[in-house]
């Protein structure tokens, strides 16, 4: 999905751009309301992350203009304006969500996913499969080559993440925020240990190997090309 960020603070804008790119999104960043409105109107975006206090025209005006033009593009306000009145105003103008700075990046990711789910309302698959590895989301069972895999709840969730995003290299920062709701610490081996235990259960004794480490980048689960 392509996301437009409209944020005039350079450090905040770069932080958002880098973090969301690592999370797998395509990002465009503008630093004023005029450019933001133009991009949001003309571009093909799945979401706009919008500050309120912007040079040119403010975020309220950007959103109002989009809604007058009948653009139902999802908009998430991300701003330091933390009063109840501002939150109510943003939602009444047609924002899909309102998040106050400072914020947890894992919460931002969760809000984005929630907006996308509400917007698309597509029934998700209940059975995921990569090669001969199957994950039954209803019965909470995993199997490979017909053999039941004994996974913990955390391992099941981690495997679901990998299978839903098969073929994508998932950085440790993303795995940490989504699965443990923590900021990634490069000195911690929590992710390494968890992925290692999952790999042992889904790959040891089976062929081909599906869960791979991409050095310096993260992990990817996919069926090898023939």
Protein backbone atom coordinates (compact mmCIF):
# COMPACT_ATOMS: atom_id res chain seq x y z
CA UNK A 1 0.00 0.00 0.00
CA UNK A 2 1.12 3.54 -0.78
CA UNK A 3 0.93 6.06 2.09
CA UNK A 4 1.22 9.85 1.90
CA UNK A 5 2.75 11.56 4.94
CA UNK A 6 2.10 15.30 5.33
CA UNK A 7 4.47 16.43 8.09
CA UNK A 8 6.50 19.67 8.28
CA UNK A 9 8.90 18.64 11.06
CA UNK A 10 11.94 17.12 9.28
CA UNK A 11 12.91 14.65 12.03
CA UNK A 12 9.36 13.44 12.56
CA UNK A 13 8.81 13.07 8.82
CA UNK A 14 11.97 11.05 8.27
CA UNK A 15 11.23 8.85 11.28
CA UNK A 16 7.80 8.05 9.90
CA UNK A 17 9.07 7.48 6.38
CA UNK A 18 11.85 5.11 7.47
CA UNK A 19 9.70 3.17 9.92
CA UNK A 20 6.80 2.67 7.54
CA UNK A 21 9.10 1.69 4.70
CA UNK A 22 10.61 -0.98 6.95
CA UNK A 23 7.05 -2.12 7.67
CA UNK A 24 6.55 -2.75 3.96
CA UNK A 25 4.70 0.37 2.80
CA UNK A 26 5.51 2.66 -0.12
CA UNK A 27 5.90 6.18 1.22
CA UNK A 28 5.70 9.72 -0.15
CA UNK A 29 6.50 12.65 2.16
CA UNK A 30 5.40 16.27 1.74
CA UNK A 31 6.17 19.09 4.16
CA UNK A 32 3.32 21.59 3.70
CA UNK A 33 -0.42 21.59 3.33
CA UNK A 34 -0.52 22.86 -0.26
CA UNK A 35 1.68 20.05 -1.60
CA UNK A 36 -0.06 17.56 0.65
CA UNK A 37 -3.48 18.44 -0.70
CA UNK A 38 -2.24 18.26 -4.29
CA UNK A 39 -0.66 14.84 -3.74
CA UNK A 40 -3.67 13.48 -1.89
CA UNK A 41 -6.01 14.70 -4.63
CA UNK A 42 -4.00 13.58 -7.65
CA UNK A 43 -2.02 10.60 -6.34
CA UNK A 44 -3.00 6.99 -5.91
CA UNK A 45 -2.73 6.53 -2.13
CA UNK A 46 -4.32 4.08 0.25
CA UNK A 47 -3.91 6.36 3.30
CA UNK A 48 -2.87 9.89 4.27
CA UNK A 49 -1.10 10.51 7.59
CA UNK A 50 -1.75 14.19 8.24
CA UNK A 51 -0.43 16.73 10.73
CA UNK A 52 -2.66 19.63 11.79
CA UNK A 53 -0.14 22.46 12.12
CA UNK A 54 1.25 22.82 8.60
CA UNK A 55 2.63 25.73 6.59
CA UNK A 56 0.53 26.90 3.66
CA UNK A 57 -2.80 25.46 4.70
CA UNK A 58 -3.42 23.51 7.89
CA UNK A 59 -4.48 19.90 8.19
CA UNK A 60 -8.09 20.79 8.96
CA UNK A 61 -8.32 22.58 5.59
CA UNK A 62 -6.60 19.74 3.74
CA UNK A 63 -9.11 17.22 5.05
CA UNK A 64 -12.09 19.52 4.48
CA UNK A 65 -11.03 20.07 0.87
CA UNK A 66 -10.62 16.34 0.28
CA UNK A 67 -14.08 15.61 1.62
CA UNK A 68 -15.66 18.44 -0.41
CA UNK A 69 -14.15 16.83 -3.50
CA UNK A 70 -15.82 13.58 -2.44
CA UNK A 71 -12.48 11.88 -1.93
CA UNK A 72 -13.08 9.10 0.61
CA UNK A 73 -9.35 8.50 0.95
CA UNK A 74 -8.64 7.28 4.51
CA UNK A 75 -6.99 9.98 6.66
CA UNK A 76 -5.24 9.52 10.00
CA UNK A 77 -4.40 12.68 11.93
CA UNK A 78 -1.00 12.43 13.67
CA UNK A 79 -0.49 15.60 15.63
CA UNK A 80 0.59 17.20 18.90
CA UNK A 81 -2.85 18.82 19.25
CA UNK A 82 -4.13 16.70 22.11
CA UNK A 83 -7.27 18.49 23.32
CA UNK A 84 -10.61 16.71 23.29
CA UNK A 85 -11.99 19.52 21.13
CA UNK A 86 -9.30 18.94 18.48
CA UNK A 87 -9.92 15.20 18.43
CA UNK A 88 -13.66 15.73 18.04
CA UNK A 89 -13.09 18.30 15.31
CA UNK A 90 -10.82 15.97 13.35
CA UNK A 91 -13.29 13.10 13.48
CA UNK A 92 -16.26 15.35 12.65
CA UNK A 93 -14.40 16.65 9.58
CA UNK A 94 -14.15 13.07 8.36
CA UNK A 95 -10.85 11.71 9.67
CA UNK A 96 -10.75 7.95 10.09
CA UNK A 97 -8.56 8.11 13.20
CA UNK A 98 -6.68 10.58 15.41
CA UNK A 99 -3.36 9.77 17.11
CA UNK A 100 -1.54 12.19 19.41
CA UNK A 101 2.24 12.76 19.51
CA UNK A 102 4.33 11.41 21.11
CA UNK A 103 3.11 7.99 20.04
CA UNK A 104 4.12 4.34 20.04
CA UNK A 105 5.13 3.17 16.56
CA UNK A 106 3.48 -0.19 17.20
CA UNK A 107 0.22 1.63 17.95
CA UNK A 108 0.53 3.58 14.70
CA UNK A 109 0.95 0.33 12.76
CA UNK A 110 -2.07 -1.14 14.53
CA UNK A 111 -4.17 1.94 13.72
CA UNK A 112 -3.15 1.74 10.04
CA UNK A 113 -4.11 -1.93 9.84
CA UNK A 114 -7.44 -1.20 11.54
CA UNK A 115 -8.25 1.55 9.04
CA UNK A 116 -7.41 -0.73 6.15
CA UNK A 117 -9.60 -3.51 7.52
CA UNK A 118 -12.55 -1.15 7.92
CA UNK A 119 -12.02 0.25 4.46
CA UNK A 120 -11.79 -2.98 2.55
CA UNK A 121 -13.98 -5.27 4.66
CA UNK A 122 -12.64 -8.29 2.83
CA UNK A 123 -13.21 -11.62 4.46
CA UNK A 124 -9.83 -13.02 5.36
CA UNK A 125 -8.82 -16.54 4.52
CA UNK A 126 -9.09 -19.04 7.35
CA UNK A 127 -6.53 -21.46 5.91
CA UNK A 128 -3.05 -20.25 4.97
CA UNK A 129 -0.67 -22.42 2.98
CA UNK A 130 2.92 -22.19 1.75
CA UNK A 131 4.18 -25.33 -0.01
CA UNK A 132 3.06 -28.21 2.25
CA UNK A 133 2.88 -26.01 5.35
CA UNK A 134 -0.69 -25.25 6.44
CA UNK A 135 -2.09 -22.97 9.12
CA UNK A 136 -5.74 -23.37 10.11
CA UNK A 137 -6.76 -20.09 11.75
CA UNK A 138 -10.15 -21.35 12.92
CA UNK A 139 -9.02 -24.53 14.64
CA UNK A 140 -5.65 -22.97 15.57
CA UNK A 141 -3.68 -25.85 14.08
CA UNK A 142 -0.48 -26.02 12.07
CA UNK A 143 0.71 -28.95 10.00
CA UNK A 144 3.41 -29.77 7.50
CA UNK A 145 3.16 -32.69 5.07
CA UNK A 146 0.10 -33.71 7.06
CA UNK A 147 2.06 -33.88 10.34
CA UNK A 148 0.69 -31.80 13.21
CA UNK A 149 3.10 -29.14 14.54
CA UNK A 150 3.11 -28.37 18.24
CA UNK A 151 3.33 -24.57 18.40
CA UNK A 152 3.00 -22.21 21.33
CA UNK A 153 0.53 -19.32 21.01
CA UNK A 154 3.39 -16.91 20.27
CA UNK A 155 4.87 -19.24 17.66
CA UNK A 156 1.46 -19.62 16.03
CA UNK A 157 1.10 -15.84 15.82
CA UNK A 158 4.61 -15.44 14.45
CA UNK A 159 4.00 -18.09 11.80
CA UNK A 160 0.71 -16.41 10.84
CA UNK A 161 2.59 -13.13 10.35
CA UNK A 162 5.17 -14.79 8.09
CA UNK A 163 2.55 -16.67 6.07
CA UNK A 164 0.29 -13.68 5.56
CA UNK A 165 3.30 -11.78 4.24
CA UNK A 166 4.99 -14.62 2.42
CA UNK A 167 7.87 -13.56 0.22
CA UNK A 168 8.40 -10.31 2.14
CA UNK A 169 11.58 -9.75 4.11
CA UNK A 170 10.34 -8.78 7.56
CA UNK A 171 12.83 -6.69 9.57
CA UNK A 172 13.35 -7.42 13.24
CA UNK A 173 11.98 -3.97 14.10
CA UNK A 174 8.64 -4.87 12.53
CA UNK A 175 8.47 -8.31 14.15
CA UNK A 176 9.28 -6.81 17.56
CA UNK A 177 6.60 -4.14 17.30
CA UNK A 178 3.86 -6.42 15.97
CA UNK A 179 4.50 -9.54 18.01
CA UNK A 180 5.96 -8.21 21.27
CA UNK A 181 4.77 -4.59 21.23
CA UNK A 182 8.31 -3.45 22.01
CA UNK A 183 10.86 -1.20 20.40
CA UNK A 184 13.63 -3.30 18.89
CA UNK A 185 16.86 -3.44 20.87
CA UNK A 186 19.80 -4.49 18.72
CA UNK A 187 21.42 -6.09 21.78
CA UNK A 188 18.42 -8.32 22.46
CA UNK A 189 18.21 -11.84 21.07
CA UNK A 190 14.46 -12.26 21.68
CA UNK A 191 13.63 -12.24 17.97
CA UNK A 192 16.55 -14.48 17.02
CA UNK A 193 15.58 -17.08 19.61
CA UNK A 194 11.87 -17.00 18.72
CA UNK A 195 12.49 -17.33 14.99
CA UNK A 196 15.03 -20.09 15.62
CA UNK A 197 12.52 -22.12 17.63
CA UNK A 198 9.83 -21.65 15.01
CA UNK A 199 12.23 -22.63 12.21
CA UNK A 200 13.17 -25.82 14.05
CA UNK A 201 9.50 -26.84 14.25
CA UNK A 202 8.45 -26.04 10.68
CA UNK A 203 11.67 -26.86 8.77
CA UNK A 204 13.68 -29.51 10.63
CA UNK A 205 13.03 -32.87 9.02
CA UNK A 206 11.15 -31.32 6.09
CA UNK A 207 12.09 -30.23 2.59
CA UNK A 208 12.30 -27.63 1.19
CA UNK A 209 13.32 -25.19 3.91
CA UNK A 210 10.84 -22.33 4.02
CA UNK A 211 11.98 -19.86 6.70
CA UNK A 212 15.23 -18.10 5.83
CA UNK A 213 17.43 -15.41 7.32
CA UNK A 214 18.34 -12.53 5.03
CA UNK A 215 21.58 -11.25 6.50
CA UNK A 216 21.40 -7.65 7.64
CA UNK A 217 17.72 -7.35 6.71
CA UNK A 218 15.48 -9.81 8.54
CA UNK A 219 13.56 -13.00 7.80
CA UNK A 220 11.43 -14.30 4.96
CA UNK A 221 9.11 -17.28 4.58
CA UNK A 222 8.45 -18.59 1.09
CA UNK A 223 8.64 -21.60 -1.13
CA UNK A 224 11.98 -21.71 -3.01
CA UNK A 225 11.82 -21.19 -6.75
CA UNK A 226 12.35 -24.39 -8.76
